[in-house]
Amino acid sequence: MGFLPALYHLLNFFAPALAVALGLAVGARFVLSSTPQTPAWWSQVAINFAVGGGVLLGGLWWFGRDGKLATYAALVVLCACCQWVLSRGWRR
């Protein structure tokens, strides 16, 4: 496999984590009121993307293959919990 196909595979592997991270950061702006302690939206995206990427890598390691529904469910749940912490949801 050449460099470009390997890069495309890597980008497509992490695409769900980026989509969930962007969706959560944008959705939190509309649903939750922001406080001065709330991180910037790009910071929320970066942190959620890192958590989501870790979940995808963990799912690849645990199941031995990519694309398992349990991995995507864990991605959504853990990123939502991370966004709740970032938005200081326990104070609302």
PDB file of N, CA and C in Angstrom:
ATOM      1  N   MET A   1       0.857  -1.166   0.000  1.00  0.00           N
ATOM      2  CA  MET A   1       0.000   0.000   0.000  1.00  0.00           C
ATOM      3  C   MET A   1       0.904   1.230   0.000  1.00  0.00           C
ATOM      4  N   GLY A   2       0.584   2.173  -0.857  1.00  0.00           N
ATOM      5  CA  GLY A   2       1.366   3.395  -0.954  1.00  0.00           C
ATOM      6  C   GLY A   2       1.015   4.395   0.136  1.00  0.00           C
ATOM      7  N   PHE A   3       1.680   5.544   0.066  1.00  0.00           N
ATOM      8  CA  PHE A   3       1.476   6.566   1.089  1.00  0.00           C
ATOM      9  C   PHE A   3       0.064   7.145   1.047  1.00  0.00           C
ATOM     10  N   LEU A   4      -0.406   7.539  -0.125  1.00  0.00           N
ATOM     11  CA  LEU A   4      -1.735   8.154  -0.212  1.00  0.00           C
ATOM     12  C   LEU A   4      -2.867   7.209   0.179  1.00  0.00           C
ATOM     13  N   PRO A   5      -2.883   5.972  -0.277  1.00  0.00           N
ATOM     14  CA  PRO A   5      -3.935   5.070   0.216  1.00  0.00           C
ATOM     15  C   PRO A   5      -3.876   4.848   1.724  1.00  0.00           C
ATOM     16  N   ALA A   6      -2.670   4.762   2.281  1.00  0.00           N
ATOM     17  CA  ALA A   6      -2.554   4.602   3.729  1.00  0.00           C
ATOM     18  C   ALA A   6      -3.074   5.834   4.455  1.00  0.00           C
ATOM     19  N   LEU A   7      -2.795   7.015   3.919  1.00  0.00           N
ATOM     20  CA  LEU A   7      -3.295   8.253   4.502  1.00  0.00           C
ATOM     21  C   LEU A   7      -4.815   8.321   4.430  1.00  0.00           C
ATOM     22  N   TYR A   8      -5.395   7.898   3.316  1.00  0.00           N
ATOM     23  CA  TYR A   8      -6.854   7.887   3.176  1.00  0.00           C
ATOM     24  C   TYR A   8      -7.489   6.924   4.180  1.00  0.00           C
ATOM     25  N   HIS A   9      -6.878   5.769   4.370  1.00  0.00           N
ATOM     26  CA  HIS A   9      -7.397   4.817   5.356  1.00  0.00           C
ATOM     27  C   HIS A   9      -7.339   5.405   6.761  1.00  0.00           C
ATOM     28  N   LEU A  10      -6.252   6.068   7.087  1.00  0.00           N
ATOM     29  CA  LEU A  10      -6.100   6.667   8.406  1.00  0.00           C
ATOM     30  C   LEU A  10      -7.115   7.791   8.627  1.00  0.00           C
ATOM     31  N   LEU A  11      -7.304   8.631   7.616  1.00  0.00           N
ATOM     32  CA  LEU A  11      -8.280   9.714   7.728  1.00  0.00           C
ATOM     33  C   LEU A  11      -9.702   9.180   7.845  1.00  0.00           C
ATOM     34  N   ASN A  12     -10.015   8.138   7.090  1.00  0.00           N
ATOM     35  CA  ASN A  12     -11.350   7.543   7.169  1.00  0.00           C
ATOM     36  C   ASN A  12     -11.566   6.807   8.491  1.00  0.00           C
ATOM     37  N   PHE A  13     -10.497   6.303   9.091  1.00  0.00           N
ATOM     38  CA  PHE A  13     -10.618   5.647  10.389  1.00  0.00           C
ATOM     39  C   PHE A  13     -11.017   6.649  11.474  1.00  0.00           C
ATOM     40  N   PHE A  14     -10.429   7.854  11.443  1.00  0.00           N
ATOM     41  CA  PHE A  14     -10.700   8.859  12.460  1.00  0.00           C
ATOM     42  C   PHE A  14     -11.850   9.807  12.108  1.00  0.00           C
ATOM     43  N   ALA A  15     -12.460   9.669  10.952  1.00  0.00           N
ATOM     44  CA  ALA A  15     -13.557  10.547  10.532  1.00  0.00           C
ATOM     45  C   ALA A  15     -14.769  10.489  11.471  1.00  0.00           C
ATOM     46  N   PRO A  16     -15.200   9.327  11.971  1.00  0.00           N
ATOM     47  CA  PRO A  16     -16.328   9.328  12.911  1.00  0.00           C
ATOM     48  C   PRO A  16     -16.040  10.100  14.194  1.00  0.00           C
ATOM     49  N   ALA A  17     -14.815  10.028  14.691  1.00  0.00           N
ATOM     50  CA  ALA A  17     -14.464  10.769  15.904  1.00  0.00           C
ATOM     51  C   ALA A  17     -14.539  12.269  15.654  1.00  0.00           C
ATOM     52  N   LEU A  18     -14.097  12.719  14.489  1.00  0.00           N
ATOM     53  CA  LEU A  18     -14.165  14.144  14.160  1.00  0.00           C
ATOM     54  C   LEU A  18     -15.609  14.594  13.986  1.00  0.00           C
ATOM     55  N   ALA A  19     -16.432  13.785  13.344  1.00  0.00           N
ATOM     56  CA  ALA A  19     -17.833  14.143  13.144  1.00  0.00           C
ATOM     57  C   ALA A  19     -18.572  14.252  14.472  1.00  0.00           C
ATOM     58  N   VAL A  20     -18.346  13.307  15.371  1.00  0.00           N
ATOM     59  CA  VAL A  20     -19.001  13.348  16.677  1.00  0.00           C
ATOM     60  C   VAL A  20     -18.506  14.546  17.483  1.00  0.00           C
ATOM     61  N   ALA A  21     -17.209  14.813  17.432  1.00  0.00           N
ATOM     62  CA  ALA A  21     -16.645  15.946  18.179  1.00  0.00           C
ATOM     63  C   ALA A  21     -17.207  17.276  17.687  1.00  0.00           C
ATOM     64  N   LEU A  22     -17.282  17.457  16.375  1.00  0.00           N
ATOM     65  CA  LEU A  22     -17.861  18.682  15.826  1.00  0.00           C
ATOM     66  C   LEU A  22     -19.340  18.800  16.161  1.00  0.00           C
ATOM     67  N   GLY A  23     -20.068  17.705  16.046  1.00  0.00           N
ATOM     68  CA  GLY A  23     -21.495  17.731  16.358  1.00  0.00           C
ATOM     69  C   GLY A  23     -21.775  18.062  17.810  1.00  0.00           C
ATOM     70  N   LEU A  24     -20.980  17.525  18.703  1.00  0.00           N
ATOM     71  CA  LEU A  24     -21.182  17.807  20.124  1.00  0.00           C
ATOM     72  C   LEU A  24     -20.848  19.248  20.468  1.00  0.00           C
ATOM     73  N   ALA A  25     -19.767  19.763  19.920  1.00  0.00           N
ATOM     74  CA  ALA A  25     -19.370  21.142  20.238  1.00  0.00           C
ATOM     75  C   ALA A  25     -20.381  22.145  19.689  1.00  0.00           C
ATOM     76  N   VAL A  26     -20.862  21.910  18.490  1.00  0.00           N
ATOM     77  CA  VAL A  26     -21.856  22.817  17.904  1.00  0.00           C
ATOM     78  C   VAL A  26     -23.197  22.670  18.614  1.00  0.00           C
ATOM     79  N   GLY A  27     -23.593  21.445  18.888  1.00  0.00           N
ATOM     80  CA  GLY A  27     -24.863  21.218  19.581  1.00  0.00           C
ATOM     81  C   GLY A  27     -24.876  21.773  20.989  1.00  0.00           C
ATOM     82  N   ALA A  28     -23.750  21.721  21.658  1.00  0.00           N
ATOM     83  CA  ALA A  28     -23.681  22.248  23.025  1.00  0.00           C
ATOM     84  C   ALA A  28     -23.864  23.765  23.036  1.00  0.00           C
ATOM     85  N   ARG A  29     -23.457  24.424  21.980  1.00  0.00           N
ATOM     86  CA  ARG A  29     -23.654  25.879  21.895  1.00  0.00           C
ATOM     87  C   ARG A  29     -25.138  26.241  21.866  1.00  0.00           C
ATOM     88  N   PHE A  30     -25.949  25.390  21.238  1.00  0.00           N
ATOM     89  CA  PHE A  30     -27.372  25.682  21.125  1.00  0.00           C
ATOM     90  C   PHE A  30     -28.174  25.178  22.317  1.00  0.00           C
ATOM     91  N   VAL A  31     -27.763  24.067  22.884  1.00  0.00           N
ATOM     92  CA  VAL A  31     -28.548  23.437  23.952  1.00  0.00           C
ATOM     93  C   VAL A  31     -28.170  23.969  25.334  1.00  0.00           C
ATOM     94  N   LEU A  32     -26.889  24.091  25.608  1.00  0.00           N
ATOM     95  CA  LEU A  32     -26.418  24.505  26.918  1.00  0.00           C
ATOM     96  C   LEU A  32     -25.983  25.963  26.895  1.00  0.00           C
ATOM     97  N   SER A  33     -26.225  26.640  27.982  1.00  0.00           N
ATOM     98  CA  SER A  33     -25.748  28.018  28.072  1.00  0.00           C
ATOM     99  C   SER A  33     -24.270  27.990  28.447  1.00  0.00           C
ATOM    100  N   SER A  34     -23.493  28.841  27.810  1.00  0.00           N
ATOM    101  CA  SER A  34     -22.059  28.849  28.080  1.00  0.00           C
ATOM    102  C   SER A  34     -21.746  29.785  29.240  1.00  0.00           C
ATOM    103  N   THR A  35     -20.774  29.391  30.017  1.00  0.00           N
ATOM    104  CA  THR A  35     -20.312  30.188  31.137  1.00  0.00           C
ATOM    105  C   THR A  35     -18.889  30.647  30.835  1.00  0.00           C
ATOM    106  N   PRO A  36     -18.365  31.583  31.598  1.00  0.00           N
ATOM    107  CA  PRO A  36     -16.978  32.009  31.343  1.00  0.00           C
ATOM    108  C   PRO A  36     -15.952  30.886  31.520  1.00  0.00           C
ATOM    109  N   GLN A  37     -16.282  29.861  32.295  1.00  0.00           N
ATOM    110  CA  GLN A  37     -15.352  28.756  32.499  1.00  0.00           C
ATOM    111  C   GLN A  37     -15.412  27.713  31.382  1.00  0.00           C
ATOM    112  N   THR A  38     -16.397  27.805  30.517  1.00  0.00           N
ATOM    113  CA  THR A  38     -16.531  26.846  29.430  1.00  0.00           C
ATOM    114  C   THR A  38     -15.411  27.057  28.410  1.00  0.00           C
ATOM    115  N   PRO A  39     -14.712  25.993  28.022  1.00  0.00           N
ATOM    116  CA  PRO A  39     -13.636  26.152  27.032  1.00  0.00           C
ATOM    117  C   PRO A  39     -14.177  26.607  25.680  1.00  0.00           C
ATOM    118  N   ALA A  40     -13.309  27.126  24.854  1.00  0.00           N
ATOM    119  CA  ALA A  40     -13.685  27.550  23.501  1.00  0.00           C
ATOM    120  C   ALA A  40     -14.146  26.342  22.690  1.00  0.00           C
ATOM    121  N   TRP A  41     -14.903  26.606  21.643  1.00  0.00           N
ATOM    122  CA  TRP A  41     -15.472  25.511  20.857  1.00  0.00           C
ATOM    123  C   TRP A  41     -14.387  24.660  20.209  1.00  0.00           C
ATOM    124  N   TRP A  42     -13.309  25.280  19.737  1.00  0.00           N
ATOM    125  CA  TRP A  42     -12.240  24.519  19.089  1.00  0.00           C
ATOM    126  C   TRP A  42     -11.509  23.640  20.109  1.00  0.00           C
ATOM    127  N   SER A  43     -11.451  24.100  21.341  1.00  0.00           N
ATOM    128  CA  SER A  43     -10.848  23.296  22.398  1.00  0.00           C
ATOM    129  C   SER A  43     -11.732  22.088  22.723  1.00  0.00           C
ATOM    130  N   GLN A  44     -13.034  22.300  22.744  1.00  0.00           N
ATOM    131  CA  GLN A  44     -13.964  21.194  22.970  1.00  0.00           C
ATOM    132  C   GLN A  44     -13.860  20.166  21.851  1.00  0.00           C
ATOM    133  N   VAL A  45     -13.754  20.652  20.610  1.00  0.00           N
ATOM    134  CA  VAL A  45     -13.621  19.741  19.468  1.00  0.00           C
ATOM    135  C   VAL A  45     -12.333  18.930  19.590  1.00  0.00           C
ATOM    136  N   ALA A  46     -11.237  19.595  19.942  1.00  0.00           N
ATOM    137  CA  ALA A  46      -9.952  18.900  20.046  1.00  0.00           C
ATOM    138  C   ALA A  46      -9.973  17.840  21.148  1.00  0.00           C
ATOM    139  N   ILE A  47     -10.543  18.181  22.291  1.00  0.00           N
ATOM    140  CA  ILE A  47     -10.580  17.226  23.404  1.00  0.00           C
ATOM    141  C   ILE A  47     -11.504  16.052  23.068  1.00  0.00           C
ATOM    142  N   ASN A  48     -12.672  16.347  22.517  1.00  0.00           N
ATOM    143  CA  ASN A  48     -13.587  15.261  22.137  1.00  0.00           C
ATOM    144  C   ASN A  48     -12.999  14.398  21.022  1.00  0.00           C
ATOM    145  N   PHE A  49     -12.255  15.009  20.099  1.00  0.00           N
ATOM    146  CA  PHE A  49     -11.617  14.242  19.032  1.00  0.00           C
ATOM    147  C   PHE A  49     -10.544  13.314  19.600  1.00  0.00           C
ATOM    148  N   ALA A  50      -9.785  13.805  20.579  1.00  0.00           N
ATOM    149  CA  ALA A  50      -8.764  12.959  21.201  1.00  0.00           C
ATOM    150  C   ALA A  50      -9.404  11.786  21.938  1.00  0.00           C
ATOM    151  N   VAL A  51     -10.483  12.056  22.669  1.00  0.00           N
ATOM    152  CA  VAL A  51     -11.190  10.973  23.370  1.00  0.00           C
ATOM    153  C   VAL A  51     -11.775   9.990  22.358  1.00  0.00           C
ATOM    154  N   GLY A  52     -12.404  10.514  21.321  1.00  0.00           N
ATOM    155  CA  GLY A  52     -12.992   9.642  20.298  1.00  0.00           C
ATOM    156  C   GLY A  52     -11.959   8.824  19.552  1.00  0.00           C
ATOM    157  N   GLY A  53     -10.832   9.428  19.243  1.00  0.00           N
ATOM    158  CA  GLY A  53      -9.762   8.674  18.587  1.00  0.00           C
ATOM    159  C   GLY A  53      -9.233   7.564  19.470  1.00  0.00           C
ATOM    160  N   GLY A  54      -9.125   7.845  20.758  1.00  0.00           N
ATOM    161  CA  GLY A  54      -8.704   6.812  21.689  1.00  0.00           C
ATOM    162  C   GLY A  54      -9.708   5.670  21.775  1.00  0.00           C
ATOM    163  N   VAL A  55     -10.985   6.011  21.744  1.00  0.00           N
ATOM    164  CA  VAL A  55     -12.031   4.965  21.771  1.00  0.00           C
ATOM    165  C   VAL A  55     -11.961   4.114  20.508  1.00  0.00           C
ATOM    166  N   LEU A  56     -11.769   4.742  19.362  1.00  0.00           N
ATOM    167  CA  LEU A  56     -11.680   3.976  18.119  1.00  0.00           C
ATOM    168  C   LEU A  56     -10.453   3.070  18.113  1.00  0.00           C
ATOM    169  N   LEU A  57      -9.330   3.573  18.599  1.00  0.00           N
ATOM    170  CA  LEU A  57      -8.132   2.733  18.679  1.00  0.00           C
ATOM    171  C   LEU A  57      -8.326   1.595  19.685  1.00  0.00           C
ATOM    172  N   GLY A  58      -8.987   1.901  20.806  1.00  0.00           N
ATOM    173  CA  GLY A  58      -9.276   0.853  21.784  1.00  0.00           C
ATOM    174  C   GLY A  58     -10.203  -0.213  21.220  1.00  0.00           C
ATOM    175  N   GLY A  59     -11.207   0.208  20.447  1.00  0.00           N
ATOM    176  CA  GLY A  59     -12.105  -0.755  19.814  1.00  0.00           C
ATOM    177  C   GLY A  59     -11.395  -1.605  18.778  1.00  0.00           C
ATOM    178  N   LEU A  60     -10.470  -1.002  18.044  1.00  0.00           N
ATOM    179  CA  LEU A  60      -9.682  -1.758  17.077  1.00  0.00           C
ATOM    180  C   LEU A  60      -8.810  -2.792  17.784  1.00  0.00           C
ATOM    181  N   TRP A  61      -8.230  -2.408  18.903  1.00  0.00           N
ATOM    182  CA  TRP A  61      -7.406  -3.337  19.664  1.00  0.00           C
ATOM    183  C   TRP A  61      -8.259  -4.448  20.295  1.00  0.00           C
ATOM    184  N   TRP A  62      -9.385  -4.073  20.890  1.00  0.00           N
ATOM    185  CA  TRP A  62     -10.214  -5.040  21.617  1.00  0.00           C
ATOM    186  C   TRP A  62     -10.850  -6.065  20.681  1.00  0.00           C
ATOM    187  N   PHE A  63     -11.457  -5.574  19.588  1.00  0.00           N
ATOM    188  CA  PHE A  63     -12.178  -6.471  18.683  1.00  0.00           C
ATOM    189  C   PHE A  63     -11.304  -7.030  17.568  1.00  0.00           C
ATOM    190  N   GLY A  64     -10.171  -6.402  17.316  1.00  0.00           N
ATOM    191  CA  GLY A  64      -9.287  -6.884  16.262  1.00  0.00           C
ATOM    192  C   GLY A  64      -9.674  -6.444  14.870  1.00  0.00           C
ATOM    193  N   ARG A  65     -10.688  -5.612  14.758  1.00  0.00           N
ATOM    194  CA  ARG A  65     -11.098  -5.076  13.459  1.00  0.00           C
ATOM    195  C   ARG A  65     -11.852  -3.771  13.665  1.00  0.00           C
ATOM    196  N   ASP A  66     -11.972  -3.041  12.608  1.00  0.00           N
ATOM    197  CA  ASP A  66     -12.624  -1.735  12.646  1.00  0.00           C
ATOM    198  C   ASP A  66     -14.092  -1.882  12.267  1.00  0.00           C
ATOM    199  N   GLY A  67     -14.902  -0.928  12.715  1.00  0.00           N
ATOM    200  CA  GLY A  67     -16.277  -0.855  12.260  1.00  0.00           C
ATOM    201  C   GLY A  67     -17.288  -1.625  13.083  1.00  0.00           C
ATOM    202  N   LYS A  68     -16.939  -2.031  14.288  1.00  0.00           N
ATOM    203  CA  LYS A  68     -17.909  -2.725  15.135  1.00  0.00           C
ATOM    204  C   LYS A  68     -18.881  -1.703  15.724  1.00  0.00           C
ATOM    205  N   LEU A  69     -20.146  -2.063  15.790  1.00  0.00           N
ATOM    206  CA  LEU A  69     -21.171  -1.167  16.306  1.00  0.00           C
ATOM    207  C   LEU A  69     -20.937  -0.833  17.771  1.00  0.00           C
ATOM    208  N   ALA A  70     -20.396  -1.768  18.530  1.00  0.00           N
ATOM    209  CA  ALA A  70     -20.106  -1.510  19.944  1.00  0.00           C
ATOM    210  C   ALA A  70     -19.056  -0.405  20.099  1.00  0.00           C
ATOM    211  N   THR A  71     -18.103  -0.356  19.189  1.00  0.00           N
ATOM    212  CA  THR A  71     -17.088   0.702  19.234  1.00  0.00           C
ATOM    213  C   THR A  71     -17.727   2.057  18.970  1.00  0.00           C
ATOM    214  N   TYR A  72     -18.617   2.136  18.006  1.00  0.00           N
ATOM    215  CA  TYR A  72     -19.282   3.410  17.704  1.00  0.00           C
ATOM    216  C   TYR A  72     -20.215   3.825  18.833  1.00  0.00           C
ATOM    217  N   ALA A  73     -20.860   2.863  19.475  1.00  0.00           N
ATOM    218  CA  ALA A  73     -21.710   3.193  20.633  1.00  0.00           C
ATOM    219  C   ALA A  73     -20.861   3.734  21.780  1.00  0.00           C
ATOM    220  N   ALA A  74     -19.711   3.122  22.018  1.00  0.00           N
ATOM    221  CA  ALA A  74     -18.810   3.612  23.061  1.00  0.00           C
ATOM    222  C   ALA A  74     -18.270   4.989  22.697  1.00  0.00           C
ATOM    223  N   LEU A  75     -18.031   5.231  21.416  1.00  0.00           N
ATOM    224  CA  LEU A  75     -17.571   6.542  20.947  1.00  0.00           C
ATOM    225  C   LEU A  75     -18.583   7.625  21.299  1.00  0.00           C
ATOM    226  N   VAL A  76     -19.837   7.376  21.024  1.00  0.00           N
ATOM    227  CA  VAL A  76     -20.883   8.360  21.293  1.00  0.00           C
ATOM    228  C   VAL A  76     -21.047   8.576  22.795  1.00  0.00           C
ATOM    229  N   VAL A  77     -21.071   7.507  23.558  1.00  0.00           N
ATOM    230  CA  VAL A  77     -21.288   7.627  25.003  1.00  0.00           C
ATOM    231  C   VAL A  77     -20.125   8.343  25.681  1.00  0.00           C
ATOM    232  N   LEU A  78     -18.905   7.956  25.383  1.00  0.00           N
ATOM    233  CA  LEU A  78     -17.755   8.575  26.041  1.00  0.00           C
ATOM    234  C   LEU A  78     -17.549  10.019  25.608  1.00  0.00           C
ATOM    235  N   CYS A  79     -17.791  10.327  24.343  1.00  0.00           N
ATOM    236  CA  CYS A  79     -17.680  11.723  23.906  1.00  0.00           C
ATOM    237  C   CYS A  79     -18.784  12.580  24.521  1.00  0.00           C
ATOM    238  N   ALA A  80     -19.977  12.032  24.669  1.00  0.00           N
ATOM    239  CA  ALA A  80     -21.056  12.780  25.319  1.00  0.00           C
ATOM    240  C   ALA A  80     -20.732  13.042  26.783  1.00  0.00           C
ATOM    241  N   CYS A  81     -20.167  12.060  27.464  1.00  0.00           N
ATOM    242  CA  CYS A  81     -19.747  12.270  28.861  1.00  0.00           C
ATOM    243  C   CYS A  81     -18.643  13.312  28.946  1.00  0.00           C
ATOM    244  N   CYS A  82     -17.722  13.276  28.025  1.00  0.00           N
ATOM    245  CA  CYS A  82     -16.637  14.256  27.990  1.00  0.00           C
ATOM    246  C   CYS A  82     -17.196  15.659  27.738  1.00  0.00           C
ATOM    247  N   GLN A  83     -18.147  15.787  26.830  1.00  0.00           N
ATOM    248  CA  GLN A  83     -18.754  17.085  26.554  1.00  0.00           C
ATOM    249  C   GLN A  83     -19.535  17.588  27.765  1.00  0.00           C
ATOM    250  N   TRP A  84     -20.176  16.703  28.487  1.00  0.00           N
ATOM    251  CA  TRP A  84     -20.899  17.081  29.695  1.00  0.00           C
ATOM    252  C   TRP A  84     -19.936  17.646  30.730  1.00  0.00           C
ATOM    253  N   VAL A  85     -18.781  17.014  30.880  1.00  0.00           N
ATOM    254  CA  VAL A  85     -17.772  17.515  31.811  1.00  0.00           C
ATOM    255  C   VAL A  85     -17.223  18.851  31.332  1.00  0.00           C
ATOM    256  N   LEU A  86     -16.945  18.972  30.036  1.00  0.00           N
ATOM    257  CA  LEU A  86     -16.414  20.228  29.496  1.00  0.00           C
ATOM    258  C   LEU A  86     -17.411  21.372  29.644  1.00  0.00           C
ATOM    259  N   SER A  87     -18.692  21.072  29.526  1.00  0.00           N
ATOM    260  CA  SER A  87     -19.726  22.097  29.639  1.00  0.00           C
ATOM    261  C   SER A  87     -20.135  22.340  31.083  1.00  0.00           C
ATOM    262  N   ARG A  88     -19.510  21.631  32.021  1.00  0.00           N
ATOM    263  CA  ARG A  88     -19.830  21.719  33.430  1.00  0.00           C
ATOM    264  C   ARG A  88     -21.318  21.441  33.668  1.00  0.00           C
ATOM    265  N   GLY A  89     -21.757  20.297  33.153  1.00  0.00           N
ATOM    266  CA  GLY A  89     -23.150  19.909  33.221  1.00  0.00           C
ATOM    267  C   GLY A  89     -23.681  19.671  34.604  1.00  0.00           C
ATOM    268  N   TRP A  90     -22.834  19.356  35.549  1.00  0.00           N
ATOM    269  CA  TRP A  90     -23.297  19.100  36.911  1.00  0.00           C
ATOM    270  C   TRP A  90     -23.707  20.390  37.614  1.00  0.00           C
ATOM    271  N   ARG A  91     -23.387  21.545  37.076  1.00  0.00           N
ATOM    272  CA  ARG A  91     -23.746  22.814  37.691  1.00  0.00           C
ATOM    273  C   ARG A  91     -25.075  23.366  37.162  1.00  0.00           C
ATOM    274  N   ARG A  92     -25.722  22.699  36.265  1.00  0.00           N
ATOM    275  CA  ARG A  92     -26.957  23.213  35.672  1.00  0.00           C
ATOM    276  C   ARG A  92     -28.161  22.669  36.370  1.00  0.00           C
TER     277      ARG A  92
END
